[in-house]
PDB file of N, CA and C in Angstrom:
ATOM      1  N   MET A   1      23.546 238.523  56.985  1.00  0.00           N
ATOM      2  CA  MET A   1      23.400 238.903  58.373  1.00  0.00           C
ATOM      3  C   MET A   1      23.870 240.335  58.598  1.00  0.00           C
ATOM      4  N   LEU A   2      25.035 240.670  58.071  1.00  0.00           N
ATOM      5  CA  LEU A   2      25.566 242.019  58.221  1.00  0.00           C
ATOM      6  C   LEU A   2      24.714 243.029  57.463  1.00  0.00           C
ATOM      7  N   ALA A   3      24.167 242.615  56.355  1.00  0.00           N
ATOM      8  CA  ALA A   3      23.299 243.504  55.577  1.00  0.00           C
ATOM      9  C   ALA A   3      22.024 243.831  56.346  1.00  0.00           C
ATOM     10  N   LYS A   4      21.495 242.862  57.086  1.00  0.00           N
ATOM     11  CA  LYS A   4      20.294 243.096  57.882  1.00  0.00           C
ATOM     12  C   LYS A   4      20.577 244.077  59.016  1.00  0.00           C
ATOM     13  N   ILE A   5      21.762 243.949  59.626  1.00  0.00           N
ATOM     14  CA  ILE A   5      22.132 244.845  60.719  1.00  0.00           C
ATOM     15  C   ILE A   5      22.293 246.274  60.212  1.00  0.00           C
ATOM     16  N   THR A   6      22.997 246.444  59.097  1.00  0.00           N
ATOM     17  CA  THR A   6      23.178 247.790  58.553  1.00  0.00           C
ATOM     18  C   THR A   6      21.849 248.385  58.096  1.00  0.00           C
ATOM     19  N   GLU A   7      20.972 247.573  57.572  1.00  0.00           N
ATOM     20  CA  GLU A   7      19.642 248.044  57.174  1.00  0.00           C
ATOM     21  C   GLU A   7      18.857 248.520  58.390  1.00  0.00           C
ATOM     22  N   PHE A   8      18.931 247.752  59.481  1.00  0.00           N
ATOM     23  CA  PHE A   8      18.244 248.120  60.715  1.00  0.00           C
ATOM     24  C   PHE A   8      18.805 249.425  61.273  1.00  0.00           C
ATOM     25  N   VAL A   9      20.135 249.561  61.276  1.00  0.00           N
ATOM     26  CA  VAL A   9      20.760 250.772  61.802  1.00  0.00           C
ATOM     27  C   VAL A   9      20.391 251.983  60.955  1.00  0.00           C
ATOM     28  N   LYS A  10      20.409 251.841  59.653  1.00  0.00           N
ATOM     29  CA  LYS A  10      20.038 252.955  58.778  1.00  0.00           C
ATOM     30  C   LYS A  10      18.574 253.354  58.985  1.00  0.00           C
ATOM     31  N   LYS A  11      17.720 252.372  59.187  1.00  0.00           N
ATOM     32  CA  LYS A  11      16.300 252.630  59.340  1.00  0.00           C
ATOM     33  C   LYS A  11      15.998 253.322  60.671  1.00  0.00           C
ATOM     34  N   ASN A  12      16.718 252.950  61.728  1.00  0.00           N
ATOM     35  CA  ASN A  12      16.420 253.434  63.079  1.00  0.00           C
ATOM     36  C   ASN A  12      17.532 254.300  63.661  1.00  0.00           C
ATOM     37  N   LEU A  13      18.268 255.002  62.834  1.00  0.00           N
ATOM     38  CA  LEU A  13      19.421 255.772  63.308  1.00  0.00           C
ATOM     39  C   LEU A  13      19.002 256.866  64.286  1.00  0.00           C
ATOM     40  N   ASP A  14      17.913 257.553  64.031  1.00  0.00           N
ATOM     41  CA  ASP A  14      17.456 258.620  64.932  1.00  0.00           C
ATOM     42  C   ASP A  14      17.129 258.077  66.320  1.00  0.00           C
ATOM     43  N   THR A  15      16.433 256.973  66.366  1.00  0.00           N
ATOM     44  CA  THR A  15      16.065 256.370  67.648  1.00  0.00           C
ATOM     45  C   THR A  15      17.296 255.868  68.392  1.00  0.00           C
ATOM     46  N   ILE A  16      18.250 255.293  67.678  1.00  0.00           N
ATOM     47  CA  ILE A  16      19.472 254.791  68.300  1.00  0.00           C
ATOM     48  C   ILE A  16      20.272 255.944  68.896  1.00  0.00           C
ATOM     49  N   ILE A  17      20.391 257.040  68.161  1.00  0.00           N
ATOM     50  CA  ILE A  17      21.146 258.191  68.665  1.00  0.00           C
ATOM     51  C   ILE A  17      20.446 258.802  69.875  1.00  0.00           C
ATOM     52  N   LEU A  18      19.143 258.962  69.812  1.00  0.00           N
ATOM     53  CA  LEU A  18      18.395 259.522  70.938  1.00  0.00           C
ATOM     54  C   LEU A  18      18.506 258.638  72.175  1.00  0.00           C
ATOM     55  N   SER A  19      18.369 257.344  72.004  1.00  0.00           N
ATOM     56  CA  SER A  19      18.483 256.417  73.136  1.00  0.00           C
ATOM     57  C   SER A  19      19.871 256.456  73.747  1.00  0.00           C
ATOM     58  N   THR A  20      20.893 256.540  72.913  1.00  0.00           N
ATOM     59  CA  THR A  20      22.265 256.609  73.403  1.00  0.00           C
ATOM     60  C   THR A  20      22.500 257.897  74.179  1.00  0.00           C
ATOM     61  N   LEU A  21      21.999 259.017  73.679  1.00  0.00           N
ATOM     62  CA  LEU A  21      22.168 260.291  74.385  1.00  0.00           C
ATOM     63  C   LEU A  21      21.435 260.303  75.721  1.00  0.00           C
ATOM     64  N   VAL A  22      20.242 259.739  75.759  1.00  0.00           N
ATOM     65  CA  VAL A  22      19.488 259.669  77.018  1.00  0.00           C
ATOM     66  C   VAL A  22      20.227 258.796  78.024  1.00  0.00           C
ATOM     67  N   ALA A  23      20.739 257.659  77.592  1.00  0.00           N
ATOM     68  CA  ALA A  23      21.477 256.766  78.493  1.00  0.00           C
ATOM     69  C   ALA A  23      22.744 257.444  79.008  1.00  0.00           C
ATOM     70  N   LEU A  24      23.460 258.153  78.151  1.00  0.00           N
ATOM     71  CA  LEU A  24      24.660 258.863  78.591  1.00  0.00           C
ATOM     72  C   LEU A  24      24.331 259.971  79.577  1.00  0.00           C
ATOM     73  N   PHE A  25      23.232 260.687  79.344  1.00  0.00           N
ATOM     74  CA  PHE A  25      22.806 261.730  80.271  1.00  0.00           C
ATOM     75  C   PHE A  25      22.438 261.145  81.634  1.00  0.00           C
ATOM     76  N   ILE A  26      21.756 260.016  81.647  1.00  0.00           N
ATOM     77  CA  ILE A  26      21.387 259.365  82.905  1.00  0.00           C
ATOM     78  C   ILE A  26      22.636 258.926  83.659  1.00  0.00           C
ATOM     79  N   LEU A  27      23.587 258.317  82.966  1.00  0.00           N
ATOM     80  CA  LEU A  27      24.819 257.881  83.617  1.00  0.00           C
ATOM     81  C   LEU A  27      25.630 259.061  84.136  1.00  0.00           C
ATOM     82  N   LEU A  28      25.691 260.137  83.381  1.00  0.00           N
ATOM     83  CA  LEU A  28      26.418 261.323  83.819  1.00  0.00           C
ATOM     84  C   LEU A  28      25.758 261.943  85.050  1.00  0.00           C
ATOM     85  N   SER A  29      24.441 261.994  85.086  1.00  0.00           N
ATOM     86  CA  SER A  29      23.727 262.539  86.240  1.00  0.00           C
ATOM     87  C   SER A  29      23.971 261.691  87.486  1.00  0.00           C
ATOM     88  N   PHE A  30      23.911 260.388  87.330  1.00  0.00           N
ATOM     89  CA  PHE A  30      24.158 259.505  88.469  1.00  0.00           C
ATOM     90  C   PHE A  30      25.583 259.653  88.973  1.00  0.00           C
ATOM     91  N   ALA A  31      26.552 259.684  88.056  1.00  0.00           N
ATOM     92  CA  ALA A  31      27.955 259.790  88.452  1.00  0.00           C
ATOM     93  C   ALA A  31      28.231 261.109  89.156  1.00  0.00           C
ATOM     94  N   SER A  32      27.690 262.194  88.655  1.00  0.00           N
ATOM     95  CA  SER A  32      27.941 263.485  89.295  1.00  0.00           C
ATOM     96  C   SER A  32      27.293 263.541  90.677  1.00  0.00           C
ATOM     97  N   GLY A  33      26.102 263.008  90.826  1.00  0.00           N
ATOM     98  CA  GLY A  33      25.459 262.956  92.136  1.00  0.00           C
ATOM     99  C   GLY A  33      26.222 262.085  93.111  1.00  0.00           C
ATOM    100  N   TYR A  34      26.734 260.978  92.642  1.00  0.00           N
ATOM    101  CA  TYR A  34      27.512 260.076  93.499  1.00  0.00           C
ATOM    102  C   TYR A  34      28.794 260.749  93.965  1.00  0.00           C
ATOM    103  N   ILE A  35      29.471 261.432  93.057  1.00  0.00           N
ATOM    104  CA  ILE A  35      30.725 262.101  93.406  1.00  0.00           C
ATOM    105  C   ILE A  35      30.472 263.239  94.381  1.00  0.00           C
ATOM    106  N   ILE A  36      29.431 264.017  94.149  1.00  0.00           N
ATOM    107  CA  ILE A  36      29.124 265.127  95.058  1.00  0.00           C
ATOM    108  C   ILE A  36      28.767 264.601  96.442  1.00  0.00           C
ATOM    109  N   ALA A  37      27.967 263.558  96.522  1.00  0.00           N
ATOM    110  CA  ALA A  37      27.565 263.009  97.814  1.00  0.00           C
ATOM    111  C   ALA A  37      28.743 262.372  98.541  1.00  0.00           C
ATOM    112  N   LYS A  38      29.665 261.810  97.798  1.00  0.00           N
ATOM    113  CA  LYS A  38      30.806 261.136  98.425  1.00  0.00           C
ATOM    114  C   LYS A  38      31.751 262.118  99.106  1.00  0.00           C
ATOM    115  N   TYR A  39      31.897 263.299  98.545  1.00  0.00           N
ATOM    116  CA  TYR A  39      32.876 264.244  99.067  1.00  0.00           C
ATOM    117  C   TYR A  39      32.265 265.370  99.887  1.00  0.00           C
ATOM    118  N   GLN A  40      30.985 265.278 100.233  1.00  0.00           N
ATOM    119  CA  GLN A  40      30.385 266.284 101.105  1.00  0.00           C
ATOM    120  C   GLN A  40      30.787 265.999 102.544  1.00  0.00           C
ATOM    121  N   ASP A  41      31.089 267.061 103.272  1.00  0.00           N
ATOM    122  CA  ASP A  41      31.435 266.928 104.695  1.00  0.00           C
ATOM    123  C   ASP A  41      30.215 267.280 105.526  1.00  0.00           C
ATOM    124  N   ARG A  42      29.484 266.268 105.907  1.00  0.00           N
ATOM    125  CA  ARG A  42      28.310 266.462 106.735  1.00  0.00           C
ATOM    126  C   ARG A  42      28.482 265.674 108.018  1.00  0.00           C
ATOM    127  N   ALA A  43      27.983 266.229 109.088  1.00  0.00           N
ATOM    128  CA  ALA A  43      28.027 265.527 110.365  1.00  0.00           C
ATOM    129  C   ALA A  43      27.015 264.381 110.344  1.00  0.00           C
ATOM    130  N   PRO A  44      27.373 263.238 110.906  1.00  0.00           N
ATOM    131  CA  PRO A  44      26.418 262.123 110.923  1.00  0.00           C
ATOM    132  C   PRO A  44      25.251 262.420 111.860  1.00  0.00           C
ATOM    133  N   ILE A  45      24.116 261.826 111.554  1.00  0.00           N
ATOM    134  CA  ILE A  45      22.923 261.995 112.385  1.00  0.00           C
ATOM    135  C   ILE A  45      23.061 261.099 113.613  1.00  0.00           C
ATOM    136  N   THR A  46      22.891 261.700 114.792  1.00  0.00           N
ATOM    137  CA  THR A  46      22.954 260.919 116.025  1.00  0.00           C
ATOM    138  C   THR A  46      21.642 261.080 116.787  1.00  0.00           C
ATOM    139  N   ILE A  47      21.177 260.001 117.382  1.00  0.00           N
ATOM    140  CA  ILE A  47      19.958 260.018 118.185  1.00  0.00           C
ATOM    141  C   ILE A  47      20.376 260.154 119.628  1.00  0.00           C
ATOM    142  N   THR A  48      19.926 261.228 120.280  1.00  0.00           N
ATOM    143  CA  THR A  48      20.351 261.476 121.658  1.00  0.00           C
ATOM    144  C   THR A  48      19.288 261.117 122.678  1.00  0.00           C
ATOM    145  N   ASN A  49      18.026 261.148 122.301  1.00  0.00           N
ATOM    146  CA  ASN A  49      16.955 260.862 123.238  1.00  0.00           C
ATOM    147  C   ASN A  49      16.079 259.766 122.643  1.00  0.00           C
ATOM    148  N   GLU A  50      16.204 258.595 123.199  1.00  0.00           N
ATOM    149  CA  GLU A  50      15.430 257.475 122.677  1.00  0.00           C
ATOM    150  C   GLU A  50      14.163 257.321 123.490  1.00  0.00           C
ATOM    151  N   GLN A  51      13.032 257.433 122.820  1.00  0.00           N
ATOM    152  CA  GLN A  51      11.748 257.285 123.484  1.00  0.00           C
ATOM    153  C   GLN A  51      11.020 256.098 122.871  1.00  0.00           C
ATOM    154  N   LEU A  52      10.475 255.267 123.731  1.00  0.00           N
ATOM    155  CA  LEU A  52       9.697 254.136 123.259  1.00  0.00           C
ATOM    156  C   LEU A  52       8.228 254.532 123.195  1.00  0.00           C
ATOM    157  N   ILE A  53       7.620 254.298 122.080  1.00  0.00           N
ATOM    158  CA  ILE A  53       6.207 254.616 121.899  1.00  0.00           C
ATOM    159  C   ILE A  53       5.420 253.321 122.075  1.00  0.00           C
ATOM    160  N   PRO A  54       4.479 253.287 123.037  1.00  0.00           N
ATOM    161  CA  PRO A  54       3.702 252.048 123.231  1.00  0.00           C
ATOM    162  C   PRO A  54       2.788 251.800 122.032  1.00  0.00           C
ATOM    163  N   LEU A  55       2.738 250.568 121.637  1.00  0.00           N
ATOM    164  CA  LEU A  55       1.900 250.184 120.502  1.00  0.00           C
ATOM    165  C   LEU A  55       0.517 249.772 121.014  1.00  0.00           C
ATOM    166  N   LYS A  56      -0.502 250.225 120.305  1.00  0.00           N
ATOM    167  CA  LYS A  56      -1.860 249.834 120.662  1.00  0.00           C
ATOM    168  C   LYS A  56      -2.162 248.487 120.039  1.00  0.00           C
ATOM    169  N   PRO A  57      -2.778 247.582 120.776  1.00  0.00           N
ATOM    170  CA  PRO A  57      -3.113 246.280 120.174  1.00  0.00           C
ATOM    171  C   PRO A  57      -4.186 246.453 119.116  1.00  0.00           C
ATOM    172  N   SER A  58      -4.070 245.684 118.087  1.00  0.00           N
ATOM    173  CA  SER A  58      -5.057 245.761 117.006  1.00  0.00           C
ATOM    174  C   SER A  58      -6.359 245.088 117.447  1.00  0.00           C
ATOM    175  N   THR A  59      -7.462 245.606 116.933  1.00  0.00           N
ATOM    176  CA  THR A  59      -8.782 245.062 117.316  1.00  0.00           C
ATOM    177  C   THR A  59      -9.396 244.281 116.183  1.00  0.00           C
ATOM    178  N   ASN A  60      -8.601 243.461 115.507  1.00  0.00           N
ATOM    179  CA  ASN A  60      -9.125 242.670 114.387  1.00  0.00           C
ATOM    180  C   ASN A  60      -9.799 241.432 114.846  1.00  0.00           C
TER     181      ASN A  60
END
């Protein structure tokens, strides 16, 4: 069983390393975006003028 695993790893080492690097890059990008968005000081969006738009009845 262990011999099969080591054989698989040796055979696909390039793909395993590339996949690991891509996954780490994706996680790092998400984490940095989350941290930047969490600590930004932005004013909340407020709606001051509420207008109701009449809906047209469908002619089906």
